[in-house]
Amino acid sequence: MSRILIVDDEVDLVEACTMALEREGHAVDATTDARQALASARRARPDLVMLDWIMPGADGGAVLS
C-alpha cells in the first residue's frame, strides 16, 4: 500500500485519519507541526501528503514552498 503523511494541527483529526488509513493497510506518518512535516517528508518520501492549509507557526503554503 501507500505511505501517507498527514499534517494537521487538530490532533483528533490526525488520529482519526491515521487509524482509518492504517486499517486499510497504509503506512502513515503524522504530525501536528508544519516544520516537522518537512523533515518527515524528506525522510519518509510519502506517496501522498494530506496537508492542512491553516496552521499556527507556518501554513500549508510555507510547507509546499
N, C-alpha and C. Protein backbone atom coordinates (compact mmCIF):
# COMPACT_ATOMS: atom_id res chain seq x y z
N MET A 1 0.83 -1.19 0.00
CA MET A 1 0.00 0.00 0.00
C MET A 1 0.87 1.25 0.00
N SER A 2 0.26 2.38 0.14
CA SER A 2 0.94 3.67 0.05
C SER A 2 1.45 4.15 1.40
N ARG A 3 2.47 5.03 1.35
CA ARG A 3 2.95 5.74 2.54
C ARG A 3 2.32 7.12 2.47
N ILE A 4 1.63 7.51 3.54
CA ILE A 4 0.89 8.77 3.59
C ILE A 4 1.37 9.61 4.75
N LEU A 5 1.57 10.90 4.50
CA LEU A 5 1.94 11.86 5.54
C LEU A 5 0.73 12.75 5.80
N ILE A 6 0.31 12.80 7.07
CA ILE A 6 -0.80 13.67 7.48
C ILE A 6 -0.23 14.82 8.29
N VAL A 7 -0.60 16.04 7.90
CA VAL A 7 -0.13 17.23 8.60
C VAL A 7 -1.34 18.10 8.93
N ASP A 8 -1.67 18.20 10.21
CA ASP A 8 -2.81 19.00 10.63
C ASP A 8 -2.63 19.33 12.10
N ASP A 9 -3.04 20.53 12.50
CA ASP A 9 -2.88 20.94 13.89
C ASP A 9 -4.01 20.43 14.78
N GLU A 10 -5.02 19.79 14.22
CA GLU A 10 -6.11 19.23 15.01
C GLU A 10 -5.80 17.76 15.32
N VAL A 11 -5.40 17.51 16.55
CA VAL A 11 -4.93 16.20 16.99
C VAL A 11 -5.98 15.11 16.75
N ASP A 12 -7.23 15.39 17.07
CA ASP A 12 -8.29 14.38 16.91
C ASP A 12 -8.45 13.98 15.44
N LEU A 13 -8.37 14.94 14.55
CA LEU A 13 -8.48 14.65 13.12
C LEU A 13 -7.30 13.80 12.64
N VAL A 14 -6.11 14.14 13.09
CA VAL A 14 -4.91 13.37 12.72
C VAL A 14 -5.03 11.93 13.21
N GLU A 15 -5.47 11.75 14.45
CA GLU A 15 -5.62 10.41 15.00
C GLU A 15 -6.68 9.61 14.25
N ALA A 16 -7.81 10.22 13.93
CA ALA A 16 -8.88 9.52 13.23
C ALA A 16 -8.45 9.11 11.82
N CYS A 17 -7.80 10.02 11.11
CA CYS A 17 -7.32 9.71 9.76
C CYS A 17 -6.25 8.63 9.80
N THR A 18 -5.36 8.73 10.76
CA THR A 18 -4.29 7.74 10.90
C THR A 18 -4.88 6.34 11.12
N MET A 19 -5.82 6.23 12.04
CA MET A 19 -6.43 4.93 12.33
C MET A 19 -7.15 4.37 11.11
N ALA A 20 -7.90 5.20 10.42
CA ALA A 20 -8.66 4.74 9.25
C ALA A 20 -7.72 4.29 8.13
N LEU A 21 -6.67 5.04 7.88
CA LEU A 21 -5.75 4.70 6.80
C LEU A 21 -4.92 3.46 7.14
N GLU A 22 -4.48 3.35 8.39
CA GLU A 22 -3.72 2.16 8.79
C GLU A 22 -4.60 0.91 8.72
N ARG A 23 -5.86 1.05 9.06
CA ARG A 23 -6.79 -0.08 8.99
C ARG A 23 -6.91 -0.59 7.55
N GLU A 24 -6.73 0.30 6.59
CA GLU A 24 -6.78 -0.08 5.17
C GLU A 24 -5.43 -0.57 4.65
N GLY A 25 -4.43 -0.60 5.54
CA GLY A 25 -3.14 -1.15 5.16
C GLY A 25 -2.08 -0.15 4.75
N HIS A 26 -2.36 1.13 4.87
CA HIS A 26 -1.39 2.16 4.50
C HIS A 26 -0.40 2.40 5.64
N ALA A 27 0.80 2.79 5.28
CA ALA A 27 1.79 3.23 6.26
C ALA A 27 1.58 4.73 6.44
N VAL A 28 1.42 5.18 7.68
CA VAL A 28 1.08 6.58 7.94
C VAL A 28 2.11 7.22 8.85
N ASP A 29 2.59 8.39 8.43
CA ASP A 29 3.38 9.27 9.29
C ASP A 29 2.48 10.47 9.54
N ALA A 30 2.44 10.95 10.76
CA ALA A 30 1.56 12.07 11.08
C ALA A 30 2.26 13.05 11.99
N THR A 31 1.94 14.32 11.79
CA THR A 31 2.48 15.37 12.65
C THR A 31 1.47 16.50 12.75
N THR A 32 1.53 17.23 13.84
CA THR A 32 0.68 18.41 14.01
C THR A 32 1.48 19.68 13.80
N ASP A 33 2.72 19.55 13.40
CA ASP A 33 3.63 20.69 13.25
C ASP A 33 4.12 20.81 11.81
N ALA A 34 3.89 21.95 11.21
CA ALA A 34 4.27 22.16 9.81
C ALA A 34 5.77 22.02 9.60
N ARG A 35 6.55 22.49 10.54
CA ARG A 35 8.01 22.39 10.38
C ARG A 35 8.49 20.94 10.43
N GLN A 36 7.90 20.16 11.31
CA GLN A 36 8.25 18.74 11.39
C GLN A 36 7.81 18.00 10.13
N ALA A 37 6.78 18.50 9.48
CA ALA A 37 6.28 17.86 8.26
C ALA A 37 7.35 17.84 7.18
N LEU A 38 8.12 18.91 7.08
CA LEU A 38 9.19 18.96 6.07
C LEU A 38 10.22 17.88 6.31
N ALA A 39 10.65 17.73 7.54
CA ALA A 39 11.64 16.71 7.87
C ALA A 39 11.08 15.31 7.62
N SER A 40 9.84 15.10 7.98
CA SER A 40 9.21 13.80 7.78
C SER A 40 9.07 13.48 6.29
N ALA A 41 8.69 14.47 5.50
CA ALA A 41 8.53 14.25 4.06
C ALA A 41 9.86 13.92 3.40
N ARG A 42 10.91 14.59 3.83
CA ARG A 42 12.24 14.30 3.27
C ARG A 42 12.72 12.91 3.67
N ARG A 43 12.43 12.50 4.89
CA ARG A 43 12.89 11.21 5.40
C ARG A 43 12.07 10.06 4.82
N ALA A 44 10.75 10.18 4.85
CA ALA A 44 9.88 9.05 4.50
C ALA A 44 9.49 9.00 3.02
N ARG A 45 9.61 10.12 2.30
CA ARG A 45 9.25 10.16 0.88
C ARG A 45 7.83 9.60 0.65
N PRO A 46 6.80 10.25 1.22
CA PRO A 46 5.43 9.72 1.12
C PRO A 46 4.89 9.75 -0.31
N ASP A 47 3.95 8.87 -0.56
CA ASP A 47 3.26 8.84 -1.84
C ASP A 47 2.18 9.92 -1.90
N LEU A 48 1.66 10.27 -0.73
CA LEU A 48 0.58 11.25 -0.63
C LEU A 48 0.78 12.08 0.63
N VAL A 49 0.52 13.38 0.55
CA VAL A 49 0.57 14.25 1.72
C VAL A 49 -0.81 14.88 1.89
N MET A 50 -1.41 14.67 3.06
CA MET A 50 -2.66 15.33 3.42
C MET A 50 -2.26 16.52 4.28
N LEU A 51 -2.41 17.73 3.74
CA LEU A 51 -1.83 18.92 4.36
C LEU A 51 -2.88 19.97 4.66
N ASP A 52 -2.98 20.33 5.94
CA ASP A 52 -3.86 21.42 6.36
C ASP A 52 -3.27 22.74 5.87
N TRP A 53 -4.11 23.64 5.41
CA TRP A 53 -3.61 24.90 4.87
C TRP A 53 -3.38 25.94 5.95
N ILE A 54 -4.22 25.96 6.98
CA ILE A 54 -4.11 26.99 8.02
C ILE A 54 -3.70 26.34 9.34
N MET A 55 -2.43 26.59 9.74
CA MET A 55 -1.90 26.06 10.98
C MET A 55 -1.08 27.14 11.67
N PRO A 56 -0.97 27.07 12.98
CA PRO A 56 -0.14 28.05 13.69
C PRO A 56 1.34 27.84 13.37
N GLY A 57 2.07 28.92 13.31
CA GLY A 57 3.52 28.84 13.09
C GLY A 57 3.90 28.89 11.62
N ALA A 58 3.34 28.02 10.82
CA ALA A 58 3.60 28.00 9.39
C ALA A 58 2.41 27.36 8.71
N ASP A 59 1.93 27.96 7.63
CA ASP A 59 0.76 27.40 6.96
C ASP A 59 1.17 26.39 5.88
N GLY A 60 0.17 25.76 5.30
CA GLY A 60 0.42 24.76 4.27
C GLY A 60 1.22 25.30 3.10
N GLY A 61 1.00 26.55 2.76
CA GLY A 61 1.76 27.17 1.67
C GLY A 61 3.24 27.23 1.96
N ALA A 62 3.59 27.49 3.19
CA ALA A 62 5.01 27.52 3.59
C ALA A 62 5.62 26.13 3.49
N VAL A 63 4.84 25.11 3.82
CA VAL A 63 5.35 23.74 3.74
C VAL A 63 5.60 23.36 2.28
N LEU A 64 4.72 23.79 1.40
CA LEU A 64 4.86 23.47 -0.01
C LEU A 64 6.02 24.20 -0.68
N SER A 65 6.38 25.35 -0.16
CA SER A 65 7.44 26.17 -0.79
C SER A 65 8.79 25.57 -0.72
